[in-house]
Amino acid sequence: MTEQAATTATSTQPDDDAGGPSVQAGPTVPPATISALLDLVQATYRPGSALTDTERERLQTTIGHMQAASAAIHAYPLTNADEPDPIFSAFRAE
């Protein structure tokens, strides 16, 4: 398991000017959770075949990011009275 995914998961922000996502430290995700989800991904999508070390490392990092993003969303305080943002504007490339 990668050190980054094992200790502190990160959440990604929209792509920055450098071409990659900017990363901010997020909530800690237990390594056991990441490992269990990685096993589930392998059993679902690659049954009977092993992942390479590179594939496993990339999936661990991705799962850690997804778990951190999920935790950040769940941590945002909302009540039942909070309504969704009603403003919608479609983007039309011209």
C-alpha atoms as a PDB file:
ATOM      1  CA  MET A   1       0.000   0.000   0.000  1.00  0.00           C
ATOM      2  CA  THR A   2       1.319   3.429  -0.794  1.00  0.00           C
ATOM      3  CA  GLU A   3       2.383   5.546   2.139  1.00  0.00           C
ATOM      4  CA  GLN A   4       0.118   8.409   1.064  1.00  0.00           C
ATOM      5  CA  ALA A   5      -2.989   6.220   0.880  1.00  0.00           C
ATOM      6  CA  ALA A   6      -2.157   4.385   4.096  1.00  0.00           C
ATOM      7  CA  THR A   7      -1.586   7.302   6.414  1.00  0.00           C
ATOM      8  CA  THR A   8      -3.566  10.288   5.267  1.00  0.00           C
ATOM      9  CA  ALA A   9      -5.870  10.133   2.321  1.00  0.00           C
ATOM     10  CA  THR A  10      -6.120  13.182   0.164  1.00  0.00           C
ATOM     11  CA  SER A  11      -8.874  14.895  -1.707  1.00  0.00           C
ATOM     12  CA  THR A  12      -8.391  16.311  -5.147  1.00  0.00           C
ATOM     13  CA  GLN A  13      -9.430  19.712  -6.327  1.00  0.00           C
ATOM     14  CA  PRO A  14     -10.087  20.771  -9.926  1.00  0.00           C
ATOM     15  CA  ASP A  15      -7.076  20.661 -12.228  1.00  0.00           C
ATOM     16  CA  ASP A  16      -4.599  23.442 -11.667  1.00  0.00           C
ATOM     17  CA  ASP A  17      -2.486  25.265 -14.247  1.00  0.00           C
ATOM     18  CA  ALA A  18       0.252  22.619 -14.032  1.00  0.00           C
ATOM     19  CA  GLY A  19      -2.031  20.094 -15.705  1.00  0.00           C
ATOM     20  CA  GLY A  20      -2.641  17.842 -12.694  1.00  0.00           C
ATOM     21  CA  PRO A  21      -5.061  17.923  -9.787  1.00  0.00           C
ATOM     22  CA  SER A  22      -4.006  19.943  -6.793  1.00  0.00           C
ATOM     23  CA  VAL A  23      -4.026  17.807  -3.663  1.00  0.00           C
ATOM     24  CA  GLN A  24      -5.015  18.870  -0.178  1.00  0.00           C
ATOM     25  CA  ALA A  25      -4.698  16.790   2.969  1.00  0.00           C
ATOM     26  CA  GLY A  26      -8.010  15.354   4.026  1.00  0.00           C
ATOM     27  CA  PRO A  27      -9.428  13.085   6.668  1.00  0.00           C
ATOM     28  CA  THR A  28      -7.494   9.958   7.597  1.00  0.00           C
ATOM     29  CA  VAL A  29      -8.828   6.811   5.933  1.00  0.00           C
ATOM     30  CA  PRO A  30      -8.053   3.527   7.704  1.00  0.00           C
ATOM     31  CA  PRO A  31      -5.689   1.339   5.643  1.00  0.00           C
ATOM     32  CA  ALA A  32      -8.004  -1.625   6.281  1.00  0.00           C
ATOM     33  CA  THR A  33     -10.825   0.219   4.495  1.00  0.00           C
ATOM     34  CA  ILE A  34      -8.654   0.942   1.475  1.00  0.00           C
ATOM     35  CA  SER A  35      -7.398  -2.649   1.408  1.00  0.00           C
ATOM     36  CA  ALA A  36     -10.932  -4.075   1.618  1.00  0.00           C
ATOM     37  CA  LEU A  37     -12.145  -1.838  -1.198  1.00  0.00           C
ATOM     38  CA  LEU A  38      -9.120  -2.764  -3.301  1.00  0.00           C
ATOM     39  CA  ASP A  39      -9.910  -6.456  -2.800  1.00  0.00           C
ATOM     40  CA  LEU A  40     -13.516  -5.790  -3.815  1.00  0.00           C
ATOM     41  CA  VAL A  41     -12.407  -4.001  -6.995  1.00  0.00           C
ATOM     42  CA  GLN A  42     -10.093  -6.875  -7.903  1.00  0.00           C
ATOM     43  CA  ALA A  43     -12.746  -9.523  -7.215  1.00  0.00           C
ATOM     44  CA  THR A  44     -15.350  -7.633  -9.243  1.00  0.00           C
ATOM     45  CA  TYR A  45     -13.320  -6.544 -12.256  1.00  0.00           C
ATOM     46  CA  ARG A  46     -10.320  -8.906 -12.400  1.00  0.00           C
ATOM     47  CA  PRO A  47     -11.436 -12.226 -10.872  1.00  0.00           C
ATOM     48  CA  GLY A  48      -8.810 -14.915 -11.094  1.00  0.00           C
ATOM     49  CA  SER A  49      -6.002 -12.616 -12.213  1.00  0.00           C
ATOM     50  CA  ALA A  50      -3.589 -10.635 -10.122  1.00  0.00           C
ATOM     51  CA  LEU A  51      -3.074  -6.901 -10.393  1.00  0.00           C
ATOM     52  CA  THR A  52       0.421  -5.681 -11.158  1.00  0.00           C
ATOM     53  CA  ASP A  53       2.193  -3.674  -8.469  1.00  0.00           C
ATOM     54  CA  THR A  54       1.672  -0.488 -10.503  1.00  0.00           C
ATOM     55  CA  GLU A  55      -2.067  -1.157 -10.943  1.00  0.00           C
ATOM     56  CA  ARG A  56      -2.452  -1.962  -7.258  1.00  0.00           C
ATOM     57  CA  GLU A  57      -0.605   1.212  -6.215  1.00  0.00           C
ATOM     58  CA  ARG A  58      -2.682   3.405  -8.535  1.00  0.00           C
ATOM     59  CA  LEU A  59      -5.930   1.858  -7.329  1.00  0.00           C
ATOM     60  CA  GLN A  60      -4.929   2.315  -3.688  1.00  0.00           C
ATOM     61  CA  THR A  61      -4.224   5.991  -4.299  1.00  0.00           C
ATOM     62  CA  THR A  62      -7.476   6.463  -6.221  1.00  0.00           C
ATOM     63  CA  ILE A  63      -9.523   4.677  -3.558  1.00  0.00           C
ATOM     64  CA  GLY A  64      -7.861   6.795  -0.851  1.00  0.00           C
ATOM     65  CA  HIS A  65      -8.751   9.983  -2.754  1.00  0.00           C
ATOM     66  CA  MET A  66     -12.334   8.851  -3.272  1.00  0.00           C
ATOM     67  CA  GLN A  67     -12.742   7.933   0.404  1.00  0.00           C
ATOM     68  CA  ALA A  68     -11.315  11.289   1.503  1.00  0.00           C
ATOM     69  CA  ALA A  69     -13.641  13.168  -0.854  1.00  0.00           C
ATOM     70  CA  SER A  70     -16.589  11.160   0.435  1.00  0.00           C
ATOM     71  CA  ALA A  71     -15.627  11.873   4.044  1.00  0.00           C
ATOM     72  CA  ALA A  72     -15.335  15.602   3.294  1.00  0.00           C
ATOM     73  CA  ILE A  73     -18.812  15.643   1.754  1.00  0.00           C
ATOM     74  CA  HIS A  74     -20.289  13.746   4.697  1.00  0.00           C
ATOM     75  CA  ALA A  75     -18.572  16.113   7.139  1.00  0.00           C
ATOM     76  CA  TYR A  76     -20.290  19.176   5.658  1.00  0.00           C
ATOM     77  CA  PRO A  77     -23.034  20.211   8.082  1.00  0.00           C
ATOM     78  CA  LEU A  78     -26.475  20.028   6.483  1.00  0.00           C
ATOM     79  CA  THR A  79     -29.902  19.845   8.021  1.00  0.00           C
ATOM     80  CA  ASN A  80     -33.108  18.535   6.527  1.00  0.00           C
ATOM     81  CA  ALA A  81     -34.152  22.156   5.950  1.00  0.00           C
ATOM     82  CA  ASP A  82     -31.173  22.924   3.673  1.00  0.00           C
ATOM     83  CA  GLU A  83     -32.301  23.143   0.074  1.00  0.00           C
ATOM     84  CA  PRO A  84     -30.233  22.538  -3.026  1.00  0.00           C
ATOM     85  CA  ASP A  85     -28.847  25.486  -4.938  1.00  0.00           C
ATOM     86  CA  PRO A  86     -31.635  26.444  -7.374  1.00  0.00           C
ATOM     87  CA  ILE A  87     -29.413  28.321  -9.806  1.00  0.00           C
ATOM     88  CA  PHE A  88     -28.716  26.398 -13.000  1.00  0.00           C
ATOM     89  CA  SER A  89     -27.081  27.697 -16.103  1.00  0.00           C
ATOM     90  CA  ALA A  90     -26.116  25.481 -18.985  1.00  0.00           C
ATOM     91  CA  PHE A  91     -22.702  26.026 -20.484  1.00  0.00           C
ATOM     92  CA  ARG A  92     -22.712  26.419 -24.197  1.00  0.00           C
ATOM     93  CA  ALA A  93     -19.341  26.383 -25.924  1.00  0.00           C
ATOM     94  CA  GLU A  94     -19.284  28.888 -28.746  1.00  0.00           C
END
